[in-house]
Each structure stands twice: as structure tokens, then as C-alpha cells.
Amino acid sequence: MKTLIVGIGGMTNGGKTTLASSLQEQIPNSCIIAQDSYFKDDSEVPMDSNGFKQYDILEALHMQMMMRDVDSWRKDPESFLRQQGLETQLIEPSVDNQVFVLIVEGFLIFNYRPLDELFDKKYFMEIPYDACKRRRSLRVYTPPDPPGYFDGYVWPMYLKNREEIESDTSEFVFLDGLKPKEELLAAVCKDLCQEIQRLREKN
């Protein structure tokens, strides 16, 4: 059995979830672990000096719980897929050269070192400030963004979090989130399929 762990990170509303979901539909033996599923209860999220909830920090997330799920997949991908109700994704799991693919998506996945070290492929979604702000304004969050939250907290934290991973940017494939989603999917799918084929042929 062979495995491939793919990270799809980047800014808020950059298109990470859409790309990850589309990849899962295209790639057999694949599943997704989404970082947004691991947010702590709102009462546990601290506030900054401006009164803004600090959702864009690792401390706002149950990262150890997320790592446990990633490790569970790594130990037995086939069982993990079945536990997630994704039996339809399984294709010839008993074949020795079959490749299982884990797609991890989230805005801080590359900032958490224990997780970052596991990725075989890294993709970083980017869109300009104006597009990001516009998309964010169209999303409904619970609780909703307070006035001034994007400029006062979200965008500055994105820049800070991106700066933290600057030393590793040579490892990333940067994706333009303004491109048609079909074009992005085709490019990433081609890249991953080549990697999967390489793993299958590897002794």
C-alpha cells in the first residue's frame, strides 16, 4: 500500500474547499480532512486588543485532534475511508500498487509544523485583497463577522501567517484563485495523477 498526502492551503475564501472537494471526486481512494472542522467552541476563542475574536490562530483550533485523525488515516487509509462512509471511493484496495490519497485543506495547515512535515505535495491558493474582501462579505459566518473585521483582523492575520511560511515557499505550487475552477482542477489533477502514477511504478 502506498500513500500520498496533499495539502491545499491559502487565504480565506481563496477556493480551497471547492478545489479539495472536486479533487476527491476525481481521485480514487481519496478523502478530505478539513481544518475548519476543528474550530474550538466560540467561548474558547480569545479576543485581541481591538475586541476581535482571534479565529485565525492555531490556538483557536483543536490541532491535536486533527493530527489524531490524520494519523488514523496514515495507519489504515482503507479503514478510515470506510469509517467516513466513503466505500464508493475505494477501487481495488487490495492491489499492492494502489495509492491512497489524503487531501488536507485549511488556512493554517502549513503553519502547524507537525502537520506541515507530512505533506508530499503543497498547493497554496491566492487571490488579491479586493477579491478576498468581496468574497468574504458574501459568506455567512456563525457568528457573523463584526464591522471592520476583515481589514482589522482577517487580512493582517493572513499576511502574518503567510510570512511565517515564507522560508518554505519553494515547496509550494502557487495557484491563482481567480482562474476558472475547472482550469485549476485540471492542472492540479494532472499534477497529482502524475505523482500517483510515479508512486505506483516505484518499487
N, C-alpha and C. Protein backbone atom coordinates (compact mmCIF):
# COMPACT_ATOMS: atom_id res chain seq x y z
N MET A 1 0.84 -1.20 0.00
CA MET A 1 0.00 0.00 0.00
C MET A 1 0.87 1.25 0.00
N LYS A 2 0.48 2.21 -0.82
CA LYS A 2 1.23 3.46 -0.91
C LYS A 2 0.30 4.63 -0.62
N THR A 3 0.87 5.69 -0.08
CA THR A 3 0.06 6.84 0.32
C THR A 3 0.63 8.14 -0.22
N LEU A 4 -0.27 9.11 -0.35
CA LEU A 4 0.09 10.46 -0.80
C LEU A 4 -0.73 11.45 0.02
N ILE A 5 -0.04 12.38 0.68
CA ILE A 5 -0.73 13.39 1.49
C ILE A 5 -0.58 14.74 0.81
N VAL A 6 -1.71 15.34 0.49
CA VAL A 6 -1.76 16.59 -0.27
C VAL A 6 -2.30 17.71 0.61
N GLY A 7 -1.60 18.83 0.65
CA GLY A 7 -2.06 19.99 1.40
C GLY A 7 -2.57 21.08 0.47
N ILE A 8 -3.79 21.55 0.72
CA ILE A 8 -4.34 22.67 -0.04
C ILE A 8 -4.63 23.79 0.95
N GLY A 9 -3.76 24.77 0.97
CA GLY A 9 -3.87 25.87 1.92
C GLY A 9 -4.03 27.20 1.22
N GLY A 10 -3.91 28.26 2.03
CA GLY A 10 -4.02 29.59 1.46
C GLY A 10 -5.01 30.46 2.21
N MET A 11 -5.36 31.54 1.60
CA MET A 11 -6.17 32.56 2.25
C MET A 11 -7.64 32.18 2.35
N THR A 12 -8.33 32.87 3.23
CA THR A 12 -9.77 32.69 3.37
C THR A 12 -10.48 33.00 2.07
N ASN A 13 -11.45 32.18 1.72
CA ASN A 13 -12.27 32.36 0.52
C ASN A 13 -11.46 32.32 -0.78
N GLY A 14 -10.32 31.63 -0.73
CA GLY A 14 -9.49 31.54 -1.93
C GLY A 14 -9.89 30.42 -2.87
N GLY A 15 -10.76 29.51 -2.41
CA GLY A 15 -11.20 28.40 -3.26
C GLY A 15 -10.67 27.05 -2.83
N LYS A 16 -10.13 26.97 -1.61
CA LYS A 16 -9.54 25.72 -1.11
C LYS A 16 -10.55 24.58 -1.06
N THR A 17 -11.70 24.85 -0.45
CA THR A 17 -12.70 23.79 -0.24
C THR A 17 -13.25 23.30 -1.57
N THR A 18 -13.52 24.21 -2.48
CA THR A 18 -14.04 23.84 -3.80
C THR A 18 -13.06 22.94 -4.53
N LEU A 19 -11.78 23.31 -4.51
CA LEU A 19 -10.77 22.51 -5.19
C LEU A 19 -10.63 21.14 -4.52
N ALA A 20 -10.57 21.11 -3.20
CA ALA A 20 -10.41 19.84 -2.48
C ALA A 20 -11.57 18.89 -2.77
N SER A 21 -12.78 19.41 -2.74
CA SER A 21 -13.96 18.58 -2.99
C SER A 21 -13.95 18.03 -4.41
N SER A 22 -13.55 18.86 -5.36
CA SER A 22 -13.51 18.43 -6.76
C SER A 22 -12.43 17.36 -6.97
N LEU A 23 -11.31 17.54 -6.28
CA LEU A 23 -10.24 16.53 -6.40
C LEU A 23 -10.69 15.19 -5.84
N GLN A 24 -11.40 15.22 -4.73
CA GLN A 24 -11.87 13.97 -4.13
C GLN A 24 -12.79 13.23 -5.10
N GLU A 25 -13.59 13.96 -5.83
CA GLU A 25 -14.50 13.33 -6.78
C GLU A 25 -13.73 12.69 -7.95
N GLN A 26 -12.55 13.23 -8.25
CA GLN A 26 -11.79 12.78 -9.41
C GLN A 26 -10.80 11.67 -9.08
N ILE A 27 -10.31 11.64 -7.84
CA ILE A 27 -9.22 10.74 -7.49
C ILE A 27 -9.72 9.56 -6.65
N PRO A 28 -9.57 8.35 -7.15
CA PRO A 28 -10.00 7.16 -6.39
C PRO A 28 -9.20 7.01 -5.09
N ASN A 29 -9.79 6.33 -4.11
CA ASN A 29 -9.12 6.06 -2.84
C ASN A 29 -8.69 7.34 -2.12
N SER A 30 -9.48 8.39 -2.26
CA SER A 30 -9.12 9.67 -1.64
C SER A 30 -10.17 10.11 -0.64
N CYS A 31 -9.74 10.94 0.29
CA CYS A 31 -10.67 11.54 1.24
C CYS A 31 -10.11 12.88 1.71
N ILE A 32 -10.97 13.67 2.36
CA ILE A 32 -10.60 15.02 2.79
C ILE A 32 -10.66 15.13 4.30
N ILE A 33 -9.68 15.82 4.86
CA ILE A 33 -9.75 16.29 6.24
C ILE A 33 -9.67 17.81 6.17
N ALA A 34 -10.72 18.48 6.63
CA ALA A 34 -10.83 19.93 6.52
C ALA A 34 -10.55 20.59 7.87
N GLN A 35 -9.63 21.54 7.87
CA GLN A 35 -9.24 22.20 9.12
C GLN A 35 -10.40 22.95 9.78
N ASP A 36 -11.31 23.47 8.99
CA ASP A 36 -12.45 24.21 9.54
C ASP A 36 -13.32 23.35 10.46
N SER A 37 -13.18 22.03 10.36
CA SER A 37 -13.98 21.13 11.20
C SER A 37 -13.45 21.05 12.63
N TYR A 38 -12.31 21.69 12.88
CA TYR A 38 -11.65 21.55 14.17
C TYR A 38 -11.61 22.85 14.98
N PHE A 39 -12.45 23.80 14.65
CA PHE A 39 -12.51 25.03 15.44
C PHE A 39 -13.00 24.73 16.85
N LYS A 40 -12.42 25.40 17.81
CA LYS A 40 -12.89 25.29 19.19
C LYS A 40 -14.21 26.03 19.33
N ASP A 41 -14.91 25.77 20.43
CA ASP A 41 -16.15 26.49 20.71
C ASP A 41 -15.85 27.99 20.78
N ASP A 42 -16.82 28.78 20.33
CA ASP A 42 -16.63 30.24 20.29
C ASP A 42 -16.19 30.80 21.65
N SER A 43 -16.66 30.19 22.73
CA SER A 43 -16.32 30.69 24.07
C SER A 43 -14.85 30.48 24.41
N GLU A 44 -14.18 29.59 23.67
CA GLU A 44 -12.78 29.29 23.93
C GLU A 44 -11.83 30.11 23.07
N VAL A 45 -12.38 30.85 22.10
CA VAL A 45 -11.54 31.63 21.18
C VAL A 45 -11.23 32.98 21.80
N PRO A 46 -9.95 33.33 21.97
CA PRO A 46 -9.59 34.60 22.60
C PRO A 46 -9.87 35.81 21.73
N MET A 47 -9.87 36.98 22.37
CA MET A 47 -10.04 38.25 21.65
C MET A 47 -8.72 39.00 21.63
N ASP A 48 -8.53 39.82 20.59
CA ASP A 48 -7.34 40.66 20.56
C ASP A 48 -7.64 42.00 21.22
N SER A 49 -6.69 42.91 21.17
CA SER A 49 -6.84 44.20 21.86
C SER A 49 -7.92 45.08 21.25
N ASN A 50 -8.35 44.75 20.02
CA ASN A 50 -9.41 45.52 19.36
C ASN A 50 -10.79 44.91 19.59
N GLY A 51 -10.83 43.82 20.34
CA GLY A 51 -12.12 43.18 20.60
C GLY A 51 -12.53 42.20 19.52
N PHE A 52 -11.61 41.86 18.60
CA PHE A 52 -11.91 40.91 17.54
C PHE A 52 -11.57 39.50 17.99
N LYS A 53 -12.47 38.56 17.74
CA LYS A 53 -12.21 37.15 18.02
C LYS A 53 -11.06 36.66 17.15
N GLN A 54 -10.11 35.97 17.76
CA GLN A 54 -8.92 35.52 17.06
C GLN A 54 -9.08 34.11 16.49
N TYR A 55 -9.88 34.03 15.43
CA TYR A 55 -10.11 32.73 14.80
C TYR A 55 -8.94 32.30 13.92
N ASP A 56 -8.12 33.25 13.51
CA ASP A 56 -7.07 32.95 12.55
C ASP A 56 -5.73 32.65 13.20
N ILE A 57 -5.78 31.96 14.33
CA ILE A 57 -4.57 31.50 15.00
C ILE A 57 -4.73 30.01 15.31
N LEU A 58 -3.62 29.32 15.44
CA LEU A 58 -3.67 27.89 15.70
C LEU A 58 -4.35 27.56 17.02
N GLU A 59 -4.24 28.49 17.98
CA GLU A 59 -4.84 28.26 19.29
C GLU A 59 -6.36 28.22 19.26
N ALA A 60 -6.96 28.66 18.15
CA ALA A 60 -8.41 28.62 18.01
C ALA A 60 -8.90 27.28 17.47
N LEU A 61 -7.96 26.37 17.22
CA LEU A 61 -8.28 25.09 16.60
C LEU A 61 -7.81 23.92 17.45
N HIS A 62 -8.55 22.82 17.37
CA HIS A 62 -8.15 21.58 18.03
C HIS A 62 -7.16 20.84 17.12
N MET A 63 -5.93 21.35 17.07
CA MET A 63 -4.96 20.79 16.14
C MET A 63 -4.51 19.38 16.54
N GLN A 64 -4.46 19.08 17.81
CA GLN A 64 -4.08 17.73 18.22
C GLN A 64 -5.14 16.71 17.79
N MET A 65 -6.40 17.13 17.84
CA MET A 65 -7.48 16.26 17.39
C MET A 65 -7.38 16.04 15.88
N MET A 66 -7.05 17.10 15.17
CA MET A 66 -6.89 17.00 13.72
C MET A 66 -5.73 16.05 13.40
N MET A 67 -4.63 16.16 14.14
CA MET A 67 -3.49 15.29 13.90
C MET A 67 -3.83 13.84 14.20
N ARG A 68 -4.66 13.60 15.21
CA ARG A 68 -5.07 12.23 15.51
C ARG A 68 -5.82 11.62 14.33
N ASP A 69 -6.66 12.43 13.68
CA ASP A 69 -7.40 11.92 12.52
C ASP A 69 -6.46 11.67 11.34
N VAL A 70 -5.50 12.57 11.15
CA VAL A 70 -4.52 12.37 10.08
C VAL A 70 -3.71 11.10 10.35
N ASP A 71 -3.30 10.91 11.58
CA ASP A 71 -2.53 9.71 11.93
C ASP A 71 -3.36 8.44 11.78
N SER A 72 -4.66 8.55 12.07
CA SER A 72 -5.55 7.41 11.89
C SER A 72 -5.60 7.01 10.42
N TRP A 73 -5.68 7.99 9.55
CA TRP A 73 -5.66 7.71 8.11
C TRP A 73 -4.33 7.07 7.71
N ARG A 74 -3.25 7.61 8.22
CA ARG A 74 -1.92 7.11 7.85
C ARG A 74 -1.74 5.65 8.24
N LYS A 75 -2.31 5.26 9.38
CA LYS A 75 -2.17 3.88 9.86
C LYS A 75 -2.98 2.90 9.03
N ASP A 76 -4.17 3.32 8.59
CA ASP A 76 -5.04 2.41 7.83
C ASP A 76 -6.00 3.22 6.97
N PRO A 77 -5.55 3.67 5.80
CA PRO A 77 -6.39 4.51 4.93
C PRO A 77 -7.71 3.85 4.53
N GLU A 78 -7.66 2.54 4.28
CA GLU A 78 -8.87 1.85 3.84
C GLU A 78 -9.93 1.86 4.93
N SER A 79 -9.53 1.56 6.16
CA SER A 79 -10.49 1.59 7.27
C SER A 79 -11.01 3.00 7.51
N PHE A 80 -10.12 3.98 7.36
CA PHE A 80 -10.54 5.38 7.56
C PHE A 80 -11.62 5.76 6.56
N LEU A 81 -11.44 5.36 5.32
CA LEU A 81 -12.44 5.65 4.29
C LEU A 81 -13.78 5.01 4.64
N ARG A 82 -13.73 3.78 5.11
CA ARG A 82 -14.98 3.09 5.47
C ARG A 82 -15.66 3.78 6.66
N GLN A 83 -14.86 4.21 7.62
CA GLN A 83 -15.42 4.91 8.78
C GLN A 83 -16.09 6.22 8.38
N GLN A 84 -15.57 6.84 7.32
CA GLN A 84 -16.14 8.10 6.83
C GLN A 84 -17.30 7.88 5.86
N GLY A 85 -17.65 6.60 5.64
CA GLY A 85 -18.75 6.30 4.73
C GLY A 85 -18.39 6.52 3.28
N LEU A 86 -17.10 6.34 2.94
CA LEU A 86 -16.63 6.61 1.59
C LEU A 86 -16.21 5.34 0.86
N GLU A 87 -16.96 4.25 1.11
CA GLU A 87 -16.62 2.99 0.45
C GLU A 87 -16.64 3.11 -1.06
N THR A 88 -17.47 4.00 -1.58
CA THR A 88 -17.55 4.15 -3.04
C THR A 88 -16.27 4.70 -3.63
N GLN A 89 -15.41 5.31 -2.78
CA GLN A 89 -14.14 5.83 -3.27
C GLN A 89 -13.10 4.74 -3.43
N LEU A 90 -13.35 3.58 -2.80
CA LEU A 90 -12.36 2.51 -2.83
C LEU A 90 -12.37 1.78 -4.17
N ILE A 91 -11.20 1.64 -4.76
CA ILE A 91 -11.05 0.90 -6.01
C ILE A 91 -9.87 -0.05 -5.86
N GLU A 92 -10.17 -1.34 -5.90
CA GLU A 92 -9.14 -2.37 -5.80
C GLU A 92 -8.16 -2.10 -4.66
N PRO A 93 -8.64 -1.93 -3.43
CA PRO A 93 -7.73 -1.61 -2.33
C PRO A 93 -6.70 -2.68 -2.02
N SER A 94 -6.97 -3.90 -2.48
CA SER A 94 -6.03 -4.99 -2.17
C SER A 94 -4.84 -5.03 -3.12
N VAL A 95 -4.90 -4.28 -4.20
CA VAL A 95 -3.79 -4.27 -5.16
C VAL A 95 -2.56 -3.62 -4.52
N ASP A 96 -1.41 -4.28 -4.64
CA ASP A 96 -0.21 -3.82 -3.95
C ASP A 96 0.21 -2.39 -4.33
N ASN A 97 0.02 -2.02 -5.59
CA ASN A 97 0.49 -0.70 -6.01
C ASN A 97 -0.59 0.38 -5.94
N GLN A 98 -1.70 0.05 -5.25
CA GLN A 98 -2.76 1.05 -5.13
C GLN A 98 -2.29 2.20 -4.24
N VAL A 99 -2.69 3.42 -4.61
CA VAL A 99 -2.27 4.61 -3.87
C VAL A 99 -3.48 5.24 -3.19
N PHE A 100 -3.37 5.44 -1.88
CA PHE A 100 -4.40 6.13 -1.12
C PHE A 100 -3.98 7.59 -0.97
N VAL A 101 -4.95 8.48 -1.17
CA VAL A 101 -4.64 9.92 -1.16
C VAL A 101 -5.44 10.63 -0.08
N LEU A 102 -4.74 11.36 0.78
CA LEU A 102 -5.39 12.19 1.78
C LEU A 102 -5.23 13.65 1.36
N ILE A 103 -6.37 14.34 1.26
CA ILE A 103 -6.38 15.76 0.92
C ILE A 103 -6.68 16.54 2.20
N VAL A 104 -5.73 17.33 2.64
CA VAL A 104 -5.91 18.15 3.84
C VAL A 104 -6.05 19.59 3.39
N GLU A 105 -7.16 20.22 3.76
CA GLU A 105 -7.34 21.61 3.32
C GLU A 105 -7.63 22.51 4.51
N GLY A 106 -7.09 23.73 4.43
CA GLY A 106 -7.30 24.67 5.51
C GLY A 106 -6.38 25.87 5.41
N PHE A 107 -6.71 26.92 6.13
CA PHE A 107 -5.99 28.18 6.00
C PHE A 107 -4.70 28.22 6.83
N LEU A 108 -4.54 27.29 7.80
CA LEU A 108 -3.33 27.28 8.63
C LEU A 108 -2.63 25.93 8.63
N ILE A 109 -2.89 25.11 7.65
CA ILE A 109 -2.32 23.76 7.66
C ILE A 109 -0.80 23.78 7.52
N PHE A 110 -0.26 24.80 6.85
CA PHE A 110 1.19 24.87 6.66
C PHE A 110 1.89 25.58 7.83
N ASN A 111 1.11 26.14 8.72
CA ASN A 111 1.68 26.83 9.88
C ASN A 111 1.85 25.92 11.09
N TYR A 112 1.27 24.74 11.01
CA TYR A 112 1.37 23.78 12.11
C TYR A 112 2.43 22.76 11.72
N ARG A 113 3.60 22.89 12.31
CA ARG A 113 4.77 22.13 11.88
C ARG A 113 4.56 20.62 11.84
N PRO A 114 3.98 19.98 12.87
CA PRO A 114 3.82 18.53 12.80
C PRO A 114 3.01 18.06 11.58
N LEU A 115 2.04 18.88 11.18
CA LEU A 115 1.23 18.55 10.01
C LEU A 115 1.97 18.90 8.72
N ASP A 116 2.59 20.07 8.70
CA ASP A 116 3.29 20.54 7.51
C ASP A 116 4.36 19.54 7.06
N GLU A 117 5.00 18.89 8.01
CA GLU A 117 6.08 17.96 7.68
C GLU A 117 5.59 16.69 6.98
N LEU A 118 4.28 16.45 6.99
CA LEU A 118 3.74 15.21 6.41
C LEU A 118 3.39 15.35 4.92
N PHE A 119 3.29 16.58 4.43
CA PHE A 119 2.78 16.77 3.07
C PHE A 119 3.79 16.33 2.01
N ASP A 120 3.26 15.58 1.04
CA ASP A 120 4.06 15.21 -0.13
C ASP A 120 3.93 16.25 -1.23
N LYS A 121 2.76 16.87 -1.29
CA LYS A 121 2.50 17.94 -2.27
C LYS A 121 1.81 19.09 -1.55
N LYS A 122 2.21 20.33 -1.89
CA LYS A 122 1.63 21.50 -1.25
C LYS A 122 1.13 22.49 -2.31
N TYR A 123 -0.13 22.89 -2.15
CA TYR A 123 -0.71 23.88 -3.04
C TYR A 123 -1.21 25.05 -2.20
N PHE A 124 -0.94 26.26 -2.68
CA PHE A 124 -1.31 27.46 -1.93
C PHE A 124 -2.18 28.34 -2.81
N MET A 125 -3.44 28.54 -2.38
CA MET A 125 -4.40 29.33 -3.14
C MET A 125 -4.26 30.82 -2.78
N GLU A 126 -4.16 31.66 -3.80
CA GLU A 126 -4.05 33.10 -3.58
C GLU A 126 -5.05 33.87 -4.43
N ILE A 127 -5.60 34.93 -3.85
CA ILE A 127 -6.40 35.89 -4.60
C ILE A 127 -6.05 37.28 -4.07
N PRO A 128 -6.27 38.34 -4.87
CA PRO A 128 -5.93 39.69 -4.41
C PRO A 128 -6.82 40.15 -3.25
N TYR A 129 -6.35 41.15 -2.56
CA TYR A 129 -7.07 41.72 -1.41
C TYR A 129 -8.53 42.04 -1.74
N ASP A 130 -8.77 42.77 -2.84
CA ASP A 130 -10.13 43.20 -3.17
C ASP A 130 -11.06 42.00 -3.40
N ALA A 131 -10.56 41.01 -4.11
CA ALA A 131 -11.39 39.83 -4.38
C ALA A 131 -11.66 39.06 -3.10
N CYS A 132 -10.66 38.97 -2.26
CA CYS A 132 -10.83 38.26 -0.99
C CYS A 132 -11.86 38.96 -0.11
N LYS A 133 -11.77 40.27 -0.03
CA LYS A 133 -12.71 41.04 0.80
C LYS A 133 -14.13 40.91 0.26
N ARG A 134 -14.26 40.95 -1.05
CA ARG A 134 -15.59 40.83 -1.65
C ARG A 134 -16.19 39.45 -1.39
N ARG A 135 -15.42 38.41 -1.59
CA ARG A 135 -15.91 37.05 -1.35
C ARG A 135 -16.27 36.85 0.13
N ARG A 136 -15.44 37.39 1.00
CA ARG A 136 -15.68 37.25 2.44
C ARG A 136 -17.00 37.92 2.82
N SER A 137 -17.29 39.05 2.20
CA SER A 137 -18.52 39.79 2.53
C SER A 137 -19.77 39.04 2.10
N LEU A 138 -19.62 38.12 1.15
CA LEU A 138 -20.76 37.37 0.64
C LEU A 138 -21.01 36.07 1.42
N ARG A 139 -20.06 35.71 2.26
CA ARG A 139 -20.19 34.48 3.06
C ARG A 139 -20.95 34.77 4.35
N VAL A 140 -21.70 33.77 4.81
CA VAL A 140 -22.42 33.89 6.08
C VAL A 140 -21.69 33.05 7.12
N TYR A 141 -21.19 33.71 8.15
CA TYR A 141 -20.46 33.02 9.21
C TYR A 141 -21.27 33.00 10.49
N THR A 142 -21.00 32.00 11.33
CA THR A 142 -21.64 31.91 12.63
C THR A 142 -20.55 31.82 13.70
N PRO A 143 -20.39 32.87 14.53
CA PRO A 143 -21.10 34.16 14.47
C PRO A 143 -20.64 34.99 13.28
N PRO A 144 -21.46 35.98 12.86
CA PRO A 144 -21.11 36.80 11.71
C PRO A 144 -19.90 37.69 11.99
N ASP A 145 -19.20 38.07 10.91
CA ASP A 145 -18.08 38.99 11.07
C ASP A 145 -18.58 40.34 11.59
N PRO A 146 -17.96 40.89 12.63
CA PRO A 146 -18.34 42.23 13.09
C PRO A 146 -17.83 43.29 12.13
N PRO A 147 -18.34 44.50 12.18
CA PRO A 147 -17.85 45.58 11.31
C PRO A 147 -16.34 45.78 11.46
N GLY A 148 -15.67 45.91 10.32
CA GLY A 148 -14.24 46.17 10.33
C GLY A 148 -13.37 44.95 10.56
N TYR A 149 -13.99 43.78 10.64
CA TYR A 149 -13.24 42.56 10.98
C TYR A 149 -12.23 42.18 9.90
N PHE A 150 -12.61 42.31 8.65
CA PHE A 150 -11.71 41.90 7.57
C PHE A 150 -10.44 42.73 7.57
N ASP A 151 -10.59 44.06 7.55
CA ASP A 151 -9.42 44.93 7.50
C ASP A 151 -8.68 45.01 8.83
N GLY A 152 -9.43 44.86 9.91
CA GLY A 152 -8.82 45.00 11.22
C GLY A 152 -8.19 43.72 11.75
N TYR A 153 -8.60 42.59 11.19
CA TYR A 153 -8.07 41.33 11.72
C TYR A 153 -7.75 40.29 10.64
N VAL A 154 -8.72 39.96 9.80
CA VAL A 154 -8.56 38.84 8.86
C VAL A 154 -7.38 39.04 7.91
N TRP A 155 -7.35 40.17 7.21
CA TRP A 155 -6.28 40.40 6.23
C TRP A 155 -4.91 40.54 6.90
N PRO A 156 -4.78 41.32 7.98
CA PRO A 156 -3.47 41.38 8.65
C PRO A 156 -2.99 40.01 9.14
N MET A 157 -3.91 39.18 9.62
CA MET A 157 -3.51 37.86 10.09
C MET A 157 -3.11 36.95 8.93
N TYR A 158 -3.77 37.10 7.79
CA TYR A 158 -3.36 36.33 6.61
C TYR A 158 -1.92 36.68 6.25
N LEU A 159 -1.60 37.97 6.22
CA LEU A 159 -0.25 38.40 5.87
C LEU A 159 0.77 37.87 6.90
N LYS A 160 0.40 37.91 8.16
CA LYS A 160 1.29 37.41 9.22
C LYS A 160 1.51 35.91 9.09
N ASN A 161 0.42 35.17 8.88
CA ASN A 161 0.52 33.71 8.77
C ASN A 161 1.29 33.30 7.52
N ARG A 162 1.12 34.06 6.44
CA ARG A 162 1.85 33.74 5.22
C ARG A 162 3.33 34.02 5.41
N GLU A 163 3.64 35.08 6.12
CA GLU A 163 5.04 35.42 6.37
C GLU A 163 5.74 34.30 7.14
N GLU A 164 5.01 33.62 8.01
CA GLU A 164 5.59 32.54 8.81
C GLU A 164 6.09 31.37 7.95
N ILE A 165 5.49 31.19 6.80
CA ILE A 165 5.87 30.05 5.95
C ILE A 165 6.71 30.50 4.75
N GLU A 166 7.14 31.76 4.74
CA GLU A 166 7.90 32.28 3.60
C GLU A 166 9.14 31.45 3.31
N SER A 167 9.79 30.93 4.34
CA SER A 167 11.03 30.18 4.14
C SER A 167 10.79 28.86 3.41
N ASP A 168 9.54 28.42 3.37
CA ASP A 168 9.22 27.14 2.73
C ASP A 168 8.53 27.30 1.37
N THR A 169 8.44 28.52 0.87
CA THR A 169 7.62 28.74 -0.33
C THR A 169 8.12 27.99 -1.56
N SER A 170 9.39 27.61 -1.57
CA SER A 170 9.91 26.87 -2.73
C SER A 170 9.24 25.50 -2.85
N GLU A 171 8.64 25.04 -1.76
CA GLU A 171 7.98 23.73 -1.77
C GLU A 171 6.56 23.80 -2.30
N PHE A 172 6.03 25.01 -2.48
CA PHE A 172 4.63 25.17 -2.86
C PHE A 172 4.42 25.29 -4.36
N VAL A 173 3.24 24.84 -4.78
CA VAL A 173 2.72 25.20 -6.08
C VAL A 173 1.68 26.28 -5.81
N PHE A 174 1.93 27.48 -6.27
CA PHE A 174 1.00 28.59 -6.03
C PHE A 174 -0.09 28.59 -7.09
N LEU A 175 -1.33 28.76 -6.66
CA LEU A 175 -2.48 28.72 -7.55
C LEU A 175 -3.22 30.05 -7.53
N ASP A 176 -3.58 30.51 -8.70
CA ASP A 176 -4.35 31.76 -8.82
C ASP A 176 -5.83 31.45 -8.64
N GLY A 177 -6.37 31.84 -7.48
CA GLY A 177 -7.76 31.54 -7.17
C GLY A 177 -8.77 32.27 -8.01
N LEU A 178 -8.32 33.21 -8.87
CA LEU A 178 -9.23 33.92 -9.77
C LEU A 178 -9.45 33.16 -11.08
N LYS A 179 -8.63 32.16 -11.32
CA LYS A 179 -8.79 31.37 -12.54
C LYS A 179 -10.05 30.51 -12.43
N PRO A 180 -10.65 30.14 -13.56
CA PRO A 180 -11.83 29.26 -13.52
C PRO A 180 -11.53 27.99 -12.73
N LYS A 181 -12.49 27.57 -11.92
CA LYS A 181 -12.26 26.40 -11.06
C LYS A 181 -11.97 25.15 -11.88
N GLU A 182 -12.54 25.07 -13.08
CA GLU A 182 -12.28 23.90 -13.93
C GLU A 182 -10.81 23.86 -14.37
N GLU A 183 -10.26 25.05 -14.63
CA GLU A 183 -8.86 25.14 -15.05
C GLU A 183 -7.92 24.75 -13.90
N LEU A 184 -8.23 25.23 -12.71
CA LEU A 184 -7.43 24.89 -11.53
C LEU A 184 -7.49 23.39 -11.25
N LEU A 185 -8.69 22.84 -11.32
CA LEU A 185 -8.87 21.41 -11.07
C LEU A 185 -8.07 20.58 -12.07
N ALA A 186 -8.13 20.95 -13.33
CA ALA A 186 -7.43 20.18 -14.36
C ALA A 186 -5.92 20.20 -14.12
N ALA A 187 -5.39 21.36 -13.75
CA ALA A 187 -3.94 21.49 -13.54
C ALA A 187 -3.48 20.68 -12.34
N VAL A 188 -4.21 20.79 -11.23
CA VAL A 188 -3.81 20.07 -10.02
C VAL A 188 -4.03 18.57 -10.19
N CYS A 189 -5.13 18.21 -10.81
CA CYS A 189 -5.44 16.80 -11.03
C CYS A 189 -4.36 16.15 -11.90
N LYS A 190 -3.92 16.84 -12.91
CA LYS A 190 -2.86 16.32 -13.78
C LYS A 190 -1.57 16.12 -12.98
N ASP A 191 -1.24 17.10 -12.16
CA ASP A 191 -0.03 17.03 -11.35
C ASP A 191 -0.09 15.84 -10.38
N LEU A 192 -1.23 15.68 -9.72
CA LEU A 192 -1.38 14.60 -8.74
C LEU A 192 -1.43 13.23 -9.42
N CYS A 193 -2.09 13.16 -10.56
CA CYS A 193 -2.17 11.88 -11.27
C CYS A 193 -0.79 11.42 -11.71
N GLN A 194 0.06 12.37 -12.10
CA GLN A 194 1.44 12.02 -12.46
C GLN A 194 2.19 11.49 -11.24
N GLU A 195 1.95 12.13 -10.09
CA GLU A 195 2.62 11.69 -8.86
C GLU A 195 2.11 10.31 -8.43
N ILE A 196 0.80 10.10 -8.56
CA ILE A 196 0.22 8.80 -8.22
C ILE A 196 0.80 7.70 -9.12
N GLN A 197 0.91 7.99 -10.40
CA GLN A 197 1.48 7.01 -11.33
C GLN A 197 2.93 6.71 -10.98
N ARG A 198 3.67 7.75 -10.60
CA ARG A 198 5.08 7.55 -10.20
C ARG A 198 5.17 6.64 -8.99
N LEU A 199 4.27 6.84 -8.02
CA LEU A 199 4.27 6.00 -6.82
C LEU A 199 3.92 4.56 -7.16
N ARG A 200 2.97 4.38 -8.07
CA ARG A 200 2.58 3.03 -8.47
C ARG A 200 3.72 2.26 -9.10
N GLU A 201 4.53 2.98 -9.86
CA GLU A 201 5.62 2.33 -10.59
C GLU A 201 6.87 2.15 -9.74
N LYS A 202 6.88 2.84 -8.59
CA LYS A 202 8.06 2.78 -7.72
C LYS A 202 8.09 1.46 -6.98
N ASN A 203 9.27 0.84 -6.92
CA ASN A 203 9.41 -0.45 -6.25
C ASN A 203 9.45 -0.26 -4.73
